[in-house]
C-alpha atoms as a PDB file:
ATOM      1  CA  MET A   1     134.211-182.068 -11.558  1.00  0.00           C
ATOM      2  CA  GLU A   2     137.497-181.434  -9.812  1.00  0.00           C
ATOM      3  CA  LYS A   3     138.828-178.310  -8.183  1.00  0.00           C
ATOM      4  CA  ASN A   4     140.124-175.532 -10.432  1.00  0.00           C
ATOM      5  CA  THR A   5     137.347-175.862 -12.978  1.00  0.00           C
ATOM      6  CA  GLN A   6     137.096-172.917 -15.365  1.00  0.00           C
ATOM      7  CA  PHE A   7     135.106-170.055 -13.855  1.00  0.00           C
ATOM      8  CA  ILE A   8     132.663-170.026 -16.794  1.00  0.00           C
ATOM      9  CA  ASP A   9     131.689-173.650 -16.033  1.00  0.00           C
ATOM     10  CA  VAL A  10     131.126-172.846 -12.356  1.00  0.00           C
ATOM     11  CA  VAL A  11     128.934-169.930 -13.422  1.00  0.00           C
ATOM     12  CA  SER A  12     126.758-172.208 -15.561  1.00  0.00           C
ATOM     13  CA  LEU A  13     126.177-174.591 -12.672  1.00  0.00           C
ATOM     14  CA  TRP A  14     125.544-171.759 -10.221  1.00  0.00           C
ATOM     15  CA  LYS A  15     122.998-170.113 -12.534  1.00  0.00           C
ATOM     16  CA  ALA A  16     121.115-173.370 -13.005  1.00  0.00           C
ATOM     17  CA  ASP A  17     120.916-173.766  -9.232  1.00  0.00           C
ATOM     18  CA  LYS A  18     120.109-170.118  -8.450  1.00  0.00           C
ATOM     19  CA  LYS A  19     117.318-169.930 -11.018  1.00  0.00           C
ATOM     20  CA  LYS A  20     115.222-172.252  -8.853  1.00  0.00           C
ATOM     21  CA  TYR A  21     115.226-169.957  -5.834  1.00  0.00           C
ATOM     22  CA  VAL A  22     115.156-166.298  -6.894  1.00  0.00           C
ATOM     23  CA  LYS A  23     112.686-164.027  -8.659  1.00  0.00           C
ATOM     24  CA  LYS A  24     112.938-163.816 -12.431  1.00  0.00           C
ATOM     25  CA  SER A  25     113.971-160.163 -12.238  1.00  0.00           C
ATOM     26  CA  THR A  26     116.722-160.964  -9.730  1.00  0.00           C
ATOM     27  CA  TYR A  27     118.023-163.801 -11.892  1.00  0.00           C
ATOM     28  CA  ALA A  28     118.042-161.495 -14.924  1.00  0.00           C
ATOM     29  CA  ALA A  29     120.007-158.847 -13.002  1.00  0.00           C
ATOM     30  CA  TYR A  30     122.585-161.420 -11.887  1.00  0.00           C
ATOM     31  CA  SER A  31     122.919-162.758 -15.443  1.00  0.00           C
ATOM     32  CA  LEU A  32     123.486-159.280 -16.859  1.00  0.00           C
ATOM     33  CA  LEU A  33     126.288-158.518 -14.376  1.00  0.00           C
ATOM     34  CA  ILE A  34     127.900-161.860 -15.103  1.00  0.00           C
ATOM     35  CA  GLN A  35     127.711-161.479 -18.873  1.00  0.00           C
ATOM     36  CA  ASN A  36     128.891-157.865 -18.988  1.00  0.00           C
ATOM     37  CA  HIS A  37     131.509-157.802 -16.253  1.00  0.00           C
ATOM     38  CA  LEU A  38     132.559-161.157 -14.818  1.00  0.00           C
ATOM     39  CA  LEU A  39     132.873-163.510 -17.761  1.00  0.00           C
ATOM     40  CA  PRO A  40     134.902-161.146 -19.976  1.00  0.00           C
ATOM     41  CA  GLU A  41     137.503-160.807 -17.194  1.00  0.00           C
ATOM     42  CA  LEU A  42     137.367-164.137 -15.370  1.00  0.00           C
ATOM     43  CA  GLY A  43     135.631-166.621 -17.703  1.00  0.00           C
ATOM     44  CA  GLU A  44     138.661-168.785 -18.493  1.00  0.00           C
ATOM     45  CA  LYS A  45     140.341-168.487 -15.078  1.00  0.00           C
ATOM     46  CA  ARG A  46     140.712-171.621 -12.979  1.00  0.00           C
ATOM     47  CA  GLU A  47     141.719-169.802  -9.807  1.00  0.00           C
ATOM     48  CA  ILE A  48     140.145-166.601  -8.484  1.00  0.00           C
ATOM     49  CA  THR A  49     142.563-164.858  -6.122  1.00  0.00           C
ATOM     50  CA  GLU A  50     142.260-161.691  -4.083  1.00  0.00           C
ATOM     51  CA  ASP A  51     144.740-159.876  -6.354  1.00  0.00           C
ATOM     52  CA  LEU A  52     142.687-160.847  -9.410  1.00  0.00           C
ATOM     53  CA  VAL A  53     139.465-159.564  -7.874  1.00  0.00           C
ATOM     54  CA  GLN A  54     141.125-156.354  -6.650  1.00  0.00           C
ATOM     55  CA  SER A  55     142.428-155.768 -10.172  1.00  0.00           C
ATOM     56  CA  LEU A  56     138.900-156.301 -11.540  1.00  0.00           C
ATOM     57  CA  VAL A  57     137.468-153.801  -9.047  1.00  0.00           C
ATOM     58  CA  ASN A  58     140.096-151.181  -9.876  1.00  0.00           C
ATOM     59  CA  LYS A  59     139.513-151.626 -13.600  1.00  0.00           C
ATOM     60  CA  LYS A  60     135.737-151.243 -13.263  1.00  0.00           C
ATOM     61  CA  LEU A  61     136.070-148.135 -11.093  1.00  0.00           C
ATOM     62  CA  ASP A  62     138.557-146.614 -13.543  1.00  0.00           C
ATOM     63  CA  SER A  63     136.099-147.256 -16.380  1.00  0.00           C
ATOM     64  CA  GLY A  64     133.578-144.998 -14.658  1.00  0.00           C
ATOM     65  CA  LEU A  65     131.312-147.492 -12.889  1.00  0.00           C
ATOM     66  CA  SER A  66     129.970-146.332  -9.532  1.00  0.00           C
ATOM     67  CA  GLN A  67     131.066-148.018  -6.326  1.00  0.00           C
ATOM     68  CA  LYS A  68     127.525-149.296  -5.873  1.00  0.00           C
ATOM     69  CA  THR A  69     127.582-151.067  -9.246  1.00  0.00           C
ATOM     70  CA  VAL A  70     131.005-152.551  -8.550  1.00  0.00           C
ATOM     71  CA  ARG A  71     129.843-153.747  -5.136  1.00  0.00           C
ATOM     72  CA  ASP A  72     126.828-155.385  -6.822  1.00  0.00           C
ATOM     73  CA  ILE A  73     129.230-157.197  -9.161  1.00  0.00           C
ATOM     74  CA  LEU A  74     131.240-158.345  -6.138  1.00  0.00           C
ATOM     75  CA  VAL A  75     128.157-159.699  -4.392  1.00  0.00           C
ATOM     76  CA  VAL A  76     127.381-161.918  -7.378  1.00  0.00           C
ATOM     77  CA  LEU A  77     131.023-162.981  -7.726  1.00  0.00           C
ATOM     78  CA  LYS A  78     131.247-164.025  -4.080  1.00  0.00           C
ATOM     79  CA  MET A  79     128.053-166.063  -4.318  1.00  0.00           C
ATOM     80  CA  ILE A  80     129.515-167.924  -7.301  1.00  0.00           C
ATOM     81  CA  LEU A  81     132.836-168.479  -5.532  1.00  0.00           C
ATOM     82  CA  ARG A  82     131.123-169.842  -2.399  1.00  0.00           C
ATOM     83  CA  PHE A  83     129.146-172.206  -4.618  1.00  0.00           C
ATOM     84  CA  GLY A  84     132.330-173.297  -6.393  1.00  0.00           C
ATOM     85  CA  VAL A  85     134.201-173.972  -3.146  1.00  0.00           C
ATOM     86  CA  LYS A  86     131.223-175.809  -1.593  1.00  0.00           C
ATOM     87  CA  HIS A  87     131.007-178.168  -4.566  1.00  0.00           C
ATOM     88  CA  LYS A  88     134.787-178.597  -4.738  1.00  0.00           C
ATOM     89  CA  LEU A  89     135.060-176.878  -8.098  1.00  0.00           C
ATOM     90  CA  LEU A  90     137.350-174.054  -6.962  1.00  0.00           C
ATOM     91  CA  GLU A  91     140.055-173.544  -4.351  1.00  0.00           C
ATOM     92  CA  PHE A  92     139.078-171.303  -1.431  1.00  0.00           C
ATOM     93  CA  HIS A  93     140.778-167.891  -1.281  1.00  0.00           C
ATOM     94  CA  GLN A  94     140.072-165.199   1.300  1.00  0.00           C
ATOM     95  CA  ILE A  95     139.034-162.102  -0.638  1.00  0.00           C
ATOM     96  CA  ASP A  96     139.018-158.683   1.028  1.00  0.00           C
ATOM     97  CA  VAL A  97     138.671-155.936  -1.549  1.00  0.00           C
ATOM     98  CA  ARG A  98     139.570-152.297  -0.874  1.00  0.00           C
ATOM     99  CA  PHE A  99     137.670-149.358  -2.267  1.00  0.00           C
ATOM    100  CA  PRO A 100     138.960-145.779  -2.485  1.00  0.00           C
ATOM    101  CA  THR A 101     137.340-143.411  -0.007  1.00  0.00           C
ATOM    102  CA  GLU A 102     134.407-141.519  -1.478  1.00  0.00           C
ATOM    103  CA  ARG A 103     135.045-137.977  -0.318  1.00  0.00           C
ATOM    104  CA  GLU A 104     132.123-136.282  -2.035  1.00  0.00           C
ATOM    105  CA  ARG A 105     128.528-137.021  -1.141  1.00  0.00           C
ATOM    106  CA  LYS A 106     126.329-136.904  -4.211  1.00  0.00           C
ATOM    107  CA  ASP A 107     123.260-134.808  -3.538  1.00  0.00           C
ATOM    108  CA  ILE A 108     119.923-136.300  -4.519  1.00  0.00           C
ATOM    109  CA  GLU A 109     117.705-134.450  -6.974  1.00  0.00           C
ATOM    110  CA  VAL A 110     114.744-132.847  -5.246  1.00  0.00           C
ATOM    111  CA  LEU A 111     112.115-130.403  -6.433  1.00  0.00           C
ATOM    112  CA  THR A 112     112.085-127.158  -4.505  1.00  0.00           C
ATOM    113  CA  LEU A 113     108.857-126.567  -2.629  1.00  0.00           C
ATOM    114  CA  ALA A 114     107.893-123.855  -5.127  1.00  0.00           C
ATOM    115  CA  ASN A 115     108.578-126.100  -8.132  1.00  0.00           C
ATOM    116  CA  GLN A 116     106.750-129.018  -6.537  1.00  0.00           C
ATOM    117  CA  LYS A 117     103.683-126.822  -6.065  1.00  0.00           C
ATOM    118  CA  LYS A 118     104.042-125.599  -9.644  1.00  0.00           C
ATOM    119  CA  LEU A 119     104.188-129.152 -11.029  1.00  0.00           C
ATOM    120  CA  LEU A 120     101.287-130.289  -8.865  1.00  0.00           C
ATOM    121  CA  ALA A 121      99.138-127.349  -9.957  1.00  0.00           C
ATOM    122  CA  TYR A 122      99.923-128.067 -13.615  1.00  0.00           C
ATOM    123  CA  VAL A 123      99.004-131.771 -13.563  1.00  0.00           C
ATOM    124  CA  ARG A 124      95.777-130.970 -11.721  1.00  0.00           C
ATOM    125  CA  SER A 125      94.830-128.259 -14.195  1.00  0.00           C
ATOM    126  CA  LYS A 126      95.368-130.550 -17.208  1.00  0.00           C
ATOM    127  CA  PHE A 127      93.868-133.898 -16.257  1.00  0.00           C
ATOM    128  CA  THR A 128      95.091-137.037 -17.948  1.00  0.00           C
ATOM    129  CA  PHE A 129      95.638-140.420 -16.324  1.00  0.00           C
ATOM    130  CA  PHE A 130      99.393-140.001 -16.842  1.00  0.00           C
ATOM    131  CA  ASN A 131      99.197-136.660 -15.019  1.00  0.00           C
ATOM    132  CA  LEU A 132      97.181-138.287 -12.250  1.00  0.00           C
ATOM    133  CA  GLY A 133     100.083-140.696 -11.813  1.00  0.00           C
ATOM    134  CA  ILE A 134     102.457-137.782 -11.250  1.00  0.00           C
ATOM    135  CA  ASP A 135     100.049-136.413  -8.637  1.00  0.00           C
ATOM    136  CA  ILE A 136      99.931-139.778  -6.882  1.00  0.00           C
ATOM    137  CA  CYS A 137     103.745-140.089  -6.871  1.00  0.00           C
ATOM    138  CA  LEU A 138     104.181-136.610  -5.398  1.00  0.00           C
ATOM    139  CA  ASN A 139     101.749-137.532  -2.618  1.00  0.00           C
ATOM    140  CA  THR A 140     102.885-141.090  -1.888  1.00  0.00           C
ATOM    141  CA  GLY A 141     106.520-141.501  -2.954  1.00  0.00           C
ATOM    142  CA  LEU A 142     105.738-144.501  -5.192  1.00  0.00           C
ATOM    143  CA  ARG A 143     108.556-145.810  -7.369  1.00  0.00           C
ATOM    144  CA  ILE A 144     108.005-145.665 -11.117  1.00  0.00           C
ATOM    145  CA  GLY A 145     107.475-149.426 -11.391  1.00  0.00           C
ATOM    146  CA  GLU A 146     104.934-149.287  -8.579  1.00  0.00           C
ATOM    147  CA  ILE A 147     102.852-146.527 -10.165  1.00  0.00           C
ATOM    148  CA  CYS A 148     102.927-148.328 -13.528  1.00  0.00           C
ATOM    149  CA  ALA A 149     101.635-151.506 -11.837  1.00  0.00           C
ATOM    150  CA  LEU A 150      98.948-149.734  -9.800  1.00  0.00           C
ATOM    151  CA  ARG A 151      95.366-150.842 -10.525  1.00  0.00           C
ATOM    152  CA  TRP A 152      92.206-149.075  -9.483  1.00  0.00           C
ATOM    153  CA  SER A 153      91.500-152.003  -7.153  1.00  0.00           C
ATOM    154  CA  ASP A 154      94.612-150.982  -5.193  1.00  0.00           C
ATOM    155  CA  ILE A 155      92.984-147.650  -4.308  1.00  0.00           C
ATOM    156  CA  ASP A 156      90.647-148.088  -1.339  1.00  0.00           C
ATOM    157  CA  ILE A 157      88.493-144.975  -1.021  1.00  0.00           C
ATOM    158  CA  ALA A 158      86.621-146.238   2.057  1.00  0.00           C
ATOM    159  CA  ALA A 159      89.858-146.857   3.970  1.00  0.00           C
ATOM    160  CA  CYS A 160      91.594-143.857   2.334  1.00  0.00           C
ATOM    161  CA  VAL A 161      94.688-145.870   1.447  1.00  0.00           C
ATOM    162  CA  ILE A 162      96.654-146.992  -1.586  1.00  0.00           C
ATOM    163  CA  ARG A 163      97.889-150.575  -1.336  1.00  0.00           C
ATOM    164  CA  VAL A 164     101.232-151.215  -3.009  1.00  0.00           C
ATOM    165  CA  SER A 165     101.858-154.875  -3.821  1.00  0.00           C
ATOM    166  CA  LYS A 166     103.190-155.006  -7.404  1.00  0.00           C
ATOM    167  CA  THR A 167     105.827-153.448  -9.604  1.00  0.00           C
ATOM    168  CA  ILE A 168     106.468-153.473 -13.351  1.00  0.00           C
ATOM    169  CA  GLN A 169     109.900-153.623 -14.906  1.00  0.00           C
ATOM    170  CA  ARG A 170     111.506-154.558 -18.183  1.00  0.00           C
ATOM    171  CA  ILE A 171     114.207-157.121 -17.546  1.00  0.00           C
ATOM    172  CA  TYR A 172     117.095-158.131 -19.784  1.00  0.00           C
ATOM    173  CA  LEU A 173     117.329-161.853 -20.441  1.00  0.00           C
ATOM    174  CA  VAL A 174     120.861-162.974 -21.222  1.00  0.00           C
ATOM    175  CA  ASP A 175     121.771-166.521 -22.179  1.00  0.00           C
ATOM    176  CA  GLY A 176     125.126-166.672 -23.906  1.00  0.00           C
ATOM    177  CA  ASP A 177     124.855-164.721 -27.159  1.00  0.00           C
ATOM    178  CA  VAL A 178     121.065-164.632 -26.966  1.00  0.00           C
ATOM    179  CA  LYS A 179     119.711-161.386 -25.542  1.00  0.00           C
ATOM    180  CA  ALA A 180     116.095-160.302 -25.171  1.00  0.00           C
ATOM    181  CA  THR A 181     113.882-158.191 -22.955  1.00  0.00           C
ATOM    182  CA  GLU A 182     110.629-158.952 -21.200  1.00  0.00           C
ATOM    183  CA  LEU A 183     108.106-156.802 -19.360  1.00  0.00           C
ATOM    184  CA  ILE A 184     107.157-158.456 -16.076  1.00  0.00           C
ATOM    185  CA  ILE A 185     104.813-157.670 -13.201  1.00  0.00           C
ATOM    186  CA  ASP A 186     106.116-158.922  -9.886  1.00  0.00           C
ATOM    187  CA  THR A 187     106.175-158.199  -6.169  1.00  0.00           C
ATOM    188  CA  PRO A 188     108.040-154.991  -5.205  1.00  0.00           C
ATOM    189  CA  LYS A 189     111.710-154.542  -4.404  1.00  0.00           C
ATOM    190  CA  THR A 190     111.575-155.927  -0.832  1.00  0.00           C
ATOM    191  CA  LYS A 191     108.908-157.284   1.521  1.00  0.00           C
ATOM    192  CA  ASN A 192     108.843-153.842   3.180  1.00  0.00           C
ATOM    193  CA  SER A 193     107.779-152.363  -0.150  1.00  0.00           C
ATOM    194  CA  ILE A 194     104.422-154.126   0.189  1.00  0.00           C
ATOM    195  CA  ARG A 195     102.673-151.396   2.120  1.00  0.00           C
ATOM    196  CA  GLU A 196      99.625-149.195   2.641  1.00  0.00           C
ATOM    197  CA  ILE A 197      99.918-145.441   2.122  1.00  0.00           C
ATOM    198  CA  PRO A 198      97.214-143.041   3.361  1.00  0.00           C
ATOM    199  CA  ILE A 199      95.679-140.816   0.682  1.00  0.00           C
ATOM    200  CA  ALA A 200      95.980-137.049   1.241  1.00  0.00           C
ATOM    201  CA  LYS A 201      92.633-135.219   1.361  1.00  0.00           C
ATOM    202  CA  ASP A 202      93.258-133.155  -1.791  1.00  0.00           C
ATOM    203  CA  LEU A 203      94.197-136.276  -3.756  1.00  0.00           C
ATOM    204  CA  LEU A 204      91.222-138.159  -2.327  1.00  0.00           C
ATOM    205  CA  LYS A 205      88.866-135.515  -3.767  1.00  0.00           C
ATOM    206  CA  ILE A 206      90.264-136.309  -7.232  1.00  0.00           C
ATOM    207  CA  LEU A 207      90.243-140.081  -6.854  1.00  0.00           C
ATOM    208  CA  LYS A 208      86.829-140.507  -5.247  1.00  0.00           C
ATOM    209  CA  PRO A 209      84.632-139.582  -8.265  1.00  0.00           C
ATOM    210  CA  LEU A 210      86.954-141.486 -10.625  1.00  0.00           C
ATOM    211  CA  LYS A 211      86.603-144.688  -8.595  1.00  0.00           C
ATOM    212  CA  GLN A 212      82.850-144.588  -9.174  1.00  0.00           C
ATOM    213  CA  VAL A 213      83.192-144.868 -12.959  1.00  0.00           C
ATOM    214  CA  VAL A 214      86.402-146.810 -13.653  1.00  0.00           C
ATOM    215  CA  CYS A 215      86.915-150.570 -13.901  1.00  0.00           C
ATOM    216  CA  ASN A 216      88.704-151.915 -10.832  1.00  0.00           C
ATOM    217  CA  ASP A 217      90.817-154.302 -12.912  1.00  0.00           C
ATOM    218  CA  PHE A 218      92.217-151.519 -15.112  1.00  0.00           C
ATOM    219  CA  TYR A 219      95.603-149.918 -14.580  1.00  0.00           C
ATOM    220  CA  VAL A 220      95.468-146.354 -13.248  1.00  0.00           C
ATOM    221  CA  LEU A 221      97.931-144.826 -15.726  1.00  0.00           C
ATOM    222  CA  THR A 222      96.258-146.219 -18.837  1.00  0.00           C
ATOM    223  CA  ASN A 223      92.730-146.763 -17.516  1.00  0.00           C
ATOM    224  CA  ASN A 224      92.574-149.978 -19.497  1.00  0.00           C
ATOM    225  CA  ALA A 225      93.609-153.607 -19.140  1.00  0.00           C
ATOM    226  CA  GLN A 226      97.130-153.028 -20.495  1.00  0.00           C
ATOM    227  CA  PRO A 227      99.753-151.237 -18.386  1.00  0.00           C
ATOM    228  CA  THR A 228     102.299-148.725 -19.589  1.00  0.00           C
ATOM    229  CA  GLU A 229     105.933-149.504 -18.907  1.00  0.00           C
ATOM    230  CA  PRO A 230     108.460-147.426 -16.938  1.00  0.00           C
ATOM    231  CA  ARG A 231     110.565-146.287 -19.910  1.00  0.00           C
ATOM    232  CA  THR A 232     107.463-144.912 -21.670  1.00  0.00           C
ATOM    233  CA  TYR A 233     106.443-143.050 -18.523  1.00  0.00           C
ATOM    234  CA  ARG A 234     109.972-141.661 -18.080  1.00  0.00           C
ATOM    235  CA  VAL A 235     109.819-140.173 -21.581  1.00  0.00           C
ATOM    236  CA  TYR A 236     106.431-138.640 -20.782  1.00  0.00           C
ATOM    237  CA  PHE A 237     107.786-137.146 -17.551  1.00  0.00           C
ATOM    238  CA  LYS A 238     110.736-135.630 -19.411  1.00  0.00           C
ATOM    239  CA  HIS A 239     108.411-133.828 -21.834  1.00  0.00           C
ATOM    240  CA  LEU A 240     106.084-132.811 -18.997  1.00  0.00           C
ATOM    241  CA  LEU A 241     108.904-131.001 -17.204  1.00  0.00           C
ATOM    242  CA  GLU A 242     109.631-129.107 -20.420  1.00  0.00           C
ATOM    243  CA  GLU A 243     105.961-128.102 -20.700  1.00  0.00           C
ATOM    244  CA  VAL A 244     105.897-126.862 -17.121  1.00  0.00           C
ATOM    245  CA  GLY A 245     109.194-125.011 -17.552  1.00  0.00           C
ATOM    246  CA  LEU A 246     111.188-127.015 -15.010  1.00  0.00           C
ATOM    247  CA  SER A 247     114.759-128.241 -15.294  1.00  0.00           C
ATOM    248  CA  PRO A 248     115.307-131.878 -16.372  1.00  0.00           C
ATOM    249  CA  MET A 249     115.479-134.442 -13.586  1.00  0.00           C
ATOM    250  CA  ARG A 250     114.931-138.153 -13.107  1.00  0.00           C
ATOM    251  CA  PHE A 251     111.478-139.551 -12.420  1.00  0.00           C
ATOM    252  CA  HIS A 252     112.823-140.900  -9.120  1.00  0.00           C
ATOM    253  CA  SER A 253     113.140-137.267  -7.994  1.00  0.00           C
ATOM    254  CA  LEU A 254     109.387-137.302  -7.353  1.00  0.00           C
ATOM    255  CA  ARG A 255     110.005-139.947  -4.687  1.00  0.00           C
ATOM    256  CA  HIS A 256     112.916-137.960  -3.277  1.00  0.00           C
ATOM    257  CA  SER A 257     110.749-134.830  -3.206  1.00  0.00           C
ATOM    258  CA  PHE A 258     107.953-136.624  -1.346  1.00  0.00           C
ATOM    259  CA  ALA A 259     110.401-137.906   1.272  1.00  0.00           C
ATOM    260  CA  THR A 260     112.063-134.507   1.643  1.00  0.00           C
ATOM    261  CA  ARG A 261     108.709-132.760   2.200  1.00  0.00           C
ATOM    262  CA  CYS A 262     107.846-135.360   4.862  1.00  0.00           C
ATOM    263  CA  ILE A 263     111.140-134.735   6.675  1.00  0.00           C
ATOM    264  CA  GLU A 264     110.702-130.951   6.385  1.00  0.00           C
ATOM    265  CA  SER A 265     107.217-131.337   7.893  1.00  0.00           C
ATOM    266  CA  LYS A 266     108.786-132.917  11.021  1.00  0.00           C
ATOM    267  CA  CYS A 267     107.369-136.392  10.346  1.00  0.00           C
ATOM    268  CA  ASP A 268     109.209-138.972  12.430  1.00  0.00           C
ATOM    269  CA  TYR A 269     111.861-140.833  10.488  1.00  0.00           C
ATOM    270  CA  LYS A 270     110.490-144.318  11.124  1.00  0.00           C
ATOM    271  CA  THR A 271     107.106-143.363   9.659  1.00  0.00           C
ATOM    272  CA  VAL A 272     108.763-141.869   6.565  1.00  0.00           C
ATOM    273  CA  SER A 273     110.814-145.048   6.175  1.00  0.00           C
ATOM    274  CA  VAL A 274     107.670-147.214   6.322  1.00  0.00           C
ATOM    275  CA  LEU A 275     105.825-144.985   3.835  1.00  0.00           C
ATOM    276  CA  LEU A 276     108.717-145.293   1.391  1.00  0.00           C
ATOM    277  CA  GLY A 277     108.961-149.050   1.858  1.00  0.00           C
ATOM    278  CA  HIS A 278     112.630-148.943   2.833  1.00  0.00           C
ATOM    279  CA  SER A 279     114.055-152.174   4.222  1.00  0.00           C
ATOM    280  CA  ASN A 280     115.518-150.301   7.202  1.00  0.00           C
ATOM    281  CA  ILE A 281     115.450-146.812   8.645  1.00  0.00           C
ATOM    282  CA  SER A 282     119.176-146.232   8.003  1.00  0.00           C
ATOM    283  CA  THR A 283     118.427-146.003   4.264  1.00  0.00           C
ATOM    284  CA  THR A 284     115.995-143.167   4.964  1.00  0.00           C
ATOM    285  CA  LEU A 285     118.388-141.406   7.314  1.00  0.00           C
ATOM    286  CA  ASN A 286     121.340-141.630   4.928  1.00  0.00           C
ATOM    287  CA  LEU A 287     119.326-140.334   1.976  1.00  0.00           C
ATOM    288  CA  TYR A 288     117.185-137.589   3.452  1.00  0.00           C
ATOM    289  CA  VAL A 289     118.293-136.512   6.910  1.00  0.00           C
ATOM    290  CA  HIS A 290     121.068-133.951   6.571  1.00  0.00           C
ATOM    291  CA  PRO A 291     120.801-131.299   9.304  1.00  0.00           C
ATOM    292  CA  ASN A 292     121.465-127.731   8.193  1.00  0.00           C
ATOM    293  CA  MET A 293     123.592-125.246  10.140  1.00  0.00           C
ATOM    294  CA  GLU A 294     120.652-123.811  12.070  1.00  0.00           C
ATOM    295  CA  GLN A 295     119.650-127.266  13.275  1.00  0.00           C
ATOM    296  CA  LYS A 296     123.241-128.015  14.271  1.00  0.00           C
ATOM    297  CA  LYS A 297     123.533-124.728  16.194  1.00  0.00           C
ATOM    298  CA  LYS A 298     120.274-125.461  17.999  1.00  0.00           C
ATOM    299  CA  CYS A 299     121.541-128.933  18.949  1.00  0.00           C
ATOM    300  CA  ILE A 300     124.808-127.524  20.343  1.00  0.00           C
ATOM    301  CA  GLU A 301     122.939-124.835  22.297  1.00  0.00           C
ATOM    302  CA  ILE A 302     120.586-127.382  23.869  1.00  0.00           C
ATOM    303  CA  MET A 303     123.526-129.606  24.803  1.00  0.00           C
ATOM    304  CA  SER A 304     125.459-126.665  26.232  1.00  0.00           C
ATOM    305  CA  LYS A 305     122.434-125.475  28.211  1.00  0.00           C
ATOM    306  CA  GLY A 306     122.259-128.845  29.935  1.00  0.00           C
ATOM    307  CA  LEU A 307     125.832-128.424  31.178  1.00  0.00           C
ATOM    308  CA  ARG A 308     125.251-125.055  32.850  1.00  0.00           C
END
């Protein structure tokens, strides 16, 4: 092919190449962004300029997409453009996109300490394997895909740890006009997400007798050979909050609540980051470490005292 090939043709070649090197879930995510956002705007273009990309970004932001989603779209676009330039399918253009300043920090949803205790007491008073999963998430910070993929063999009573090495997710497979979904079990989000999490003593008391009677190959949430999927568990969690009398919130708030309790308990930030399986400590700091006024006053006083 020669330079200035249609963008849609470059995409096809890039996808065929990329499919050989990335996880199925990653490939599906790329394909969905391409199908929904890039091809409708750029598919027939033979030249991708900075002005064109900036216009795309502005349009997507105006439509209500978050900056994170738009940045994800840009990441995929730039990979395709680099591929196109490398194989002499597209002309090179320097692309530096500007984003409006985000002036408001969106607070994460976290259970108050009282509500977390209330939820924990409820799931322990009404045992089901789904409720046990909620208990585990509150005590470990597991993501929903990780708890759905957890098998009894991943719970080591002797070592008092839970080993996280798998996640479940339903991916969207897009190939032109053909769209389908597939439930897959794969390695977690990043290599740091493969981790060992110590089991709290109260949770260990619940898990220990169960481990003596369950099949190691079974999934914890279903206690059989077939797992449940995240969307089913989200629906269950929604109804559970109603039963307990708590306000609606996302399942991921259990993870946020775990992390927040760790920070409040003066755990060092690096340890919290490792427990959560974050790829770097800055993610943990940005999400959960927001000093209150008392902490800031104490910091200023200590600094001032050193100058006297």
